[in-house]
């Protein structure tokens, strides 16, 4: 499906540090070794997806909200939390 908002990012370059192959390889390894893989979706001012930032699975805690949505609490290296909505 090439009209999906993530198609170009996933096919070309998900972020400034990885090729599409490297990103998929890392996500696959995280799933196999840790059970899940996470990435933060980043948008530009126009609302277009511009990159996917891999998140270490051990730094992510999933919280189910009362409205049945999910929030992802991400800890940085200094113990600070930031929350991302699905």
C-alpha atoms as a PDB file:
ATOM      1  CA  UNK A   1       0.000   0.000   0.000  1.00  0.00           C
ATOM      2  CA  UNK A   2       1.970   3.006  -1.227  1.00  0.00           C
ATOM      3  CA  UNK A   3      -0.567   5.691  -0.246  1.00  0.00           C
ATOM      4  CA  UNK A   4      -0.108   5.024   3.477  1.00  0.00           C
ATOM      5  CA  UNK A   5       1.465   7.976   5.365  1.00  0.00           C
ATOM      6  CA  UNK A   6       4.376   5.785   6.512  1.00  0.00           C
ATOM      7  CA  UNK A   7       5.097   4.193   3.119  1.00  0.00           C
ATOM      8  CA  UNK A   8       7.820   6.613   2.022  1.00  0.00           C
ATOM      9  CA  UNK A   9       9.462   6.742   5.446  1.00  0.00           C
ATOM     10  CA  UNK A  10       9.561   2.948   5.761  1.00  0.00           C
ATOM     11  CA  UNK A  11      10.708   2.374   2.183  1.00  0.00           C
ATOM     12  CA  UNK A  12      13.425   5.015   2.059  1.00  0.00           C
ATOM     13  CA  UNK A  13      14.919   6.237   5.321  1.00  0.00           C
ATOM     14  CA  UNK A  14      13.035   5.964   8.623  1.00  0.00           C
ATOM     15  CA  UNK A  15      15.427   8.365  10.381  1.00  0.00           C
ATOM     16  CA  UNK A  16      18.771  10.116   9.964  1.00  0.00           C
ATOM     17  CA  UNK A  17      20.709   7.217  11.498  1.00  0.00           C
ATOM     18  CA  UNK A  18      19.310   4.107   9.808  1.00  0.00           C
ATOM     19  CA  UNK A  19      18.437   2.786   6.400  1.00  0.00           C
ATOM     20  CA  UNK A  20      15.035   1.153   5.965  1.00  0.00           C
ATOM     21  CA  UNK A  21      16.693  -2.271   6.146  1.00  0.00           C
ATOM     22  CA  UNK A  22      18.575  -1.417   9.362  1.00  0.00           C
ATOM     23  CA  UNK A  23      15.402  -0.079  10.984  1.00  0.00           C
ATOM     24  CA  UNK A  24      13.415  -3.243  10.134  1.00  0.00           C
ATOM     25  CA  UNK A  25      16.325  -5.433  11.269  1.00  0.00           C
ATOM     26  CA  UNK A  26      16.487  -3.619  14.625  1.00  0.00           C
ATOM     27  CA  UNK A  27      12.710  -3.798  15.130  1.00  0.00           C
ATOM     28  CA  UNK A  28      12.716  -7.512  14.291  1.00  0.00           C
ATOM     29  CA  UNK A  29      15.582  -8.199  16.718  1.00  0.00           C
ATOM     30  CA  UNK A  30      13.796  -6.275  19.480  1.00  0.00           C
ATOM     31  CA  UNK A  31      10.628  -8.321  18.891  1.00  0.00           C
ATOM     32  CA  UNK A  32      12.486 -11.628  18.900  1.00  0.00           C
ATOM     33  CA  UNK A  33      14.671 -10.848  21.906  1.00  0.00           C
ATOM     34  CA  UNK A  34      12.340  -8.706  23.985  1.00  0.00           C
ATOM     35  CA  UNK A  35       8.827  -9.370  22.741  1.00  0.00           C
ATOM     36  CA  UNK A  36       8.102  -5.936  21.289  1.00  0.00           C
ATOM     37  CA  UNK A  37       9.521  -2.998  19.350  1.00  0.00           C
ATOM     38  CA  UNK A  38       8.564   0.660  19.685  1.00  0.00           C
ATOM     39  CA  UNK A  39       9.176   3.760  17.599  1.00  0.00           C
ATOM     40  CA  UNK A  40       8.170   7.350  18.115  1.00  0.00           C
ATOM     41  CA  UNK A  41       6.459   8.811  15.060  1.00  0.00           C
ATOM     42  CA  UNK A  42       7.668  12.312  14.254  1.00  0.00           C
ATOM     43  CA  UNK A  43       5.687  14.729  12.091  1.00  0.00           C
ATOM     44  CA  UNK A  44       6.542  18.005  10.405  1.00  0.00           C
ATOM     45  CA  UNK A  45       4.494  21.220  10.747  1.00  0.00           C
ATOM     46  CA  UNK A  46       2.233  20.116   7.881  1.00  0.00           C
ATOM     47  CA  UNK A  47       1.333  16.915   9.722  1.00  0.00           C
ATOM     48  CA  UNK A  48       3.333  14.599   7.458  1.00  0.00           C
ATOM     49  CA  UNK A  49       5.279  11.703   8.973  1.00  0.00           C
ATOM     50  CA  UNK A  50       8.971  12.499   8.569  1.00  0.00           C
ATOM     51  CA  UNK A  51      10.742   9.887  10.701  1.00  0.00           C
ATOM     52  CA  UNK A  52      10.531   6.978  13.100  1.00  0.00           C
ATOM     53  CA  UNK A  53      12.751   7.148  16.167  1.00  0.00           C
ATOM     54  CA  UNK A  54      13.426   3.698  17.665  1.00  0.00           C
ATOM     55  CA  UNK A  55      12.745   3.456  21.396  1.00  0.00           C
ATOM     56  CA  UNK A  56      14.473   0.914  23.633  1.00  0.00           C
ATOM     57  CA  UNK A  57      11.750  -1.557  24.679  1.00  0.00           C
ATOM     58  CA  UNK A  58      12.928  -1.548  28.300  1.00  0.00           C
ATOM     59  CA  UNK A  59      12.329   2.211  28.498  1.00  0.00           C
ATOM     60  CA  UNK A  60       8.648   1.948  27.485  1.00  0.00           C
ATOM     61  CA  UNK A  61       5.728   1.269  29.814  1.00  0.00           C
ATOM     62  CA  UNK A  62       2.267   0.836  28.307  1.00  0.00           C
ATOM     63  CA  UNK A  63      -0.650   2.317  30.245  1.00  0.00           C
ATOM     64  CA  UNK A  64      -4.241   1.495  29.292  1.00  0.00           C
ATOM     65  CA  UNK A  65      -6.402   4.589  29.696  1.00  0.00           C
ATOM     66  CA  UNK A  66     -10.046   4.627  30.876  1.00  0.00           C
ATOM     67  CA  UNK A  67     -11.191   5.331  27.298  1.00  0.00           C
ATOM     68  CA  UNK A  68      -9.475   2.081  26.143  1.00  0.00           C
ATOM     69  CA  UNK A  69      -6.687   3.977  24.369  1.00  0.00           C
ATOM     70  CA  UNK A  70      -3.042   3.466  25.283  1.00  0.00           C
ATOM     71  CA  UNK A  71      -0.359   5.805  26.536  1.00  0.00           C
ATOM     72  CA  UNK A  72       3.317   4.970  26.254  1.00  0.00           C
ATOM     73  CA  UNK A  73       5.471   6.309  29.079  1.00  0.00           C
ATOM     74  CA  UNK A  74       9.054   6.555  27.861  1.00  0.00           C
ATOM     75  CA  UNK A  75      11.920   6.922  30.334  1.00  0.00           C
ATOM     76  CA  UNK A  76      15.047   8.706  29.202  1.00  0.00           C
ATOM     77  CA  UNK A  77      18.533   7.932  30.473  1.00  0.00           C
ATOM     78  CA  UNK A  78      18.061  10.329  33.422  1.00  0.00           C
ATOM     79  CA  UNK A  79      14.851   8.729  34.707  1.00  0.00           C
ATOM     80  CA  UNK A  80      12.540  11.430  33.356  1.00  0.00           C
ATOM     81  CA  UNK A  81       9.285  10.249  31.825  1.00  0.00           C
ATOM     82  CA  UNK A  82       7.483  11.601  28.827  1.00  0.00           C
ATOM     83  CA  UNK A  83       4.163  10.317  27.603  1.00  0.00           C
ATOM     84  CA  UNK A  84       3.228   9.473  24.024  1.00  0.00           C
ATOM     85  CA  UNK A  85      -0.313   8.698  22.915  1.00  0.00           C
ATOM     86  CA  UNK A  86      -0.984   5.897  20.450  1.00  0.00           C
END
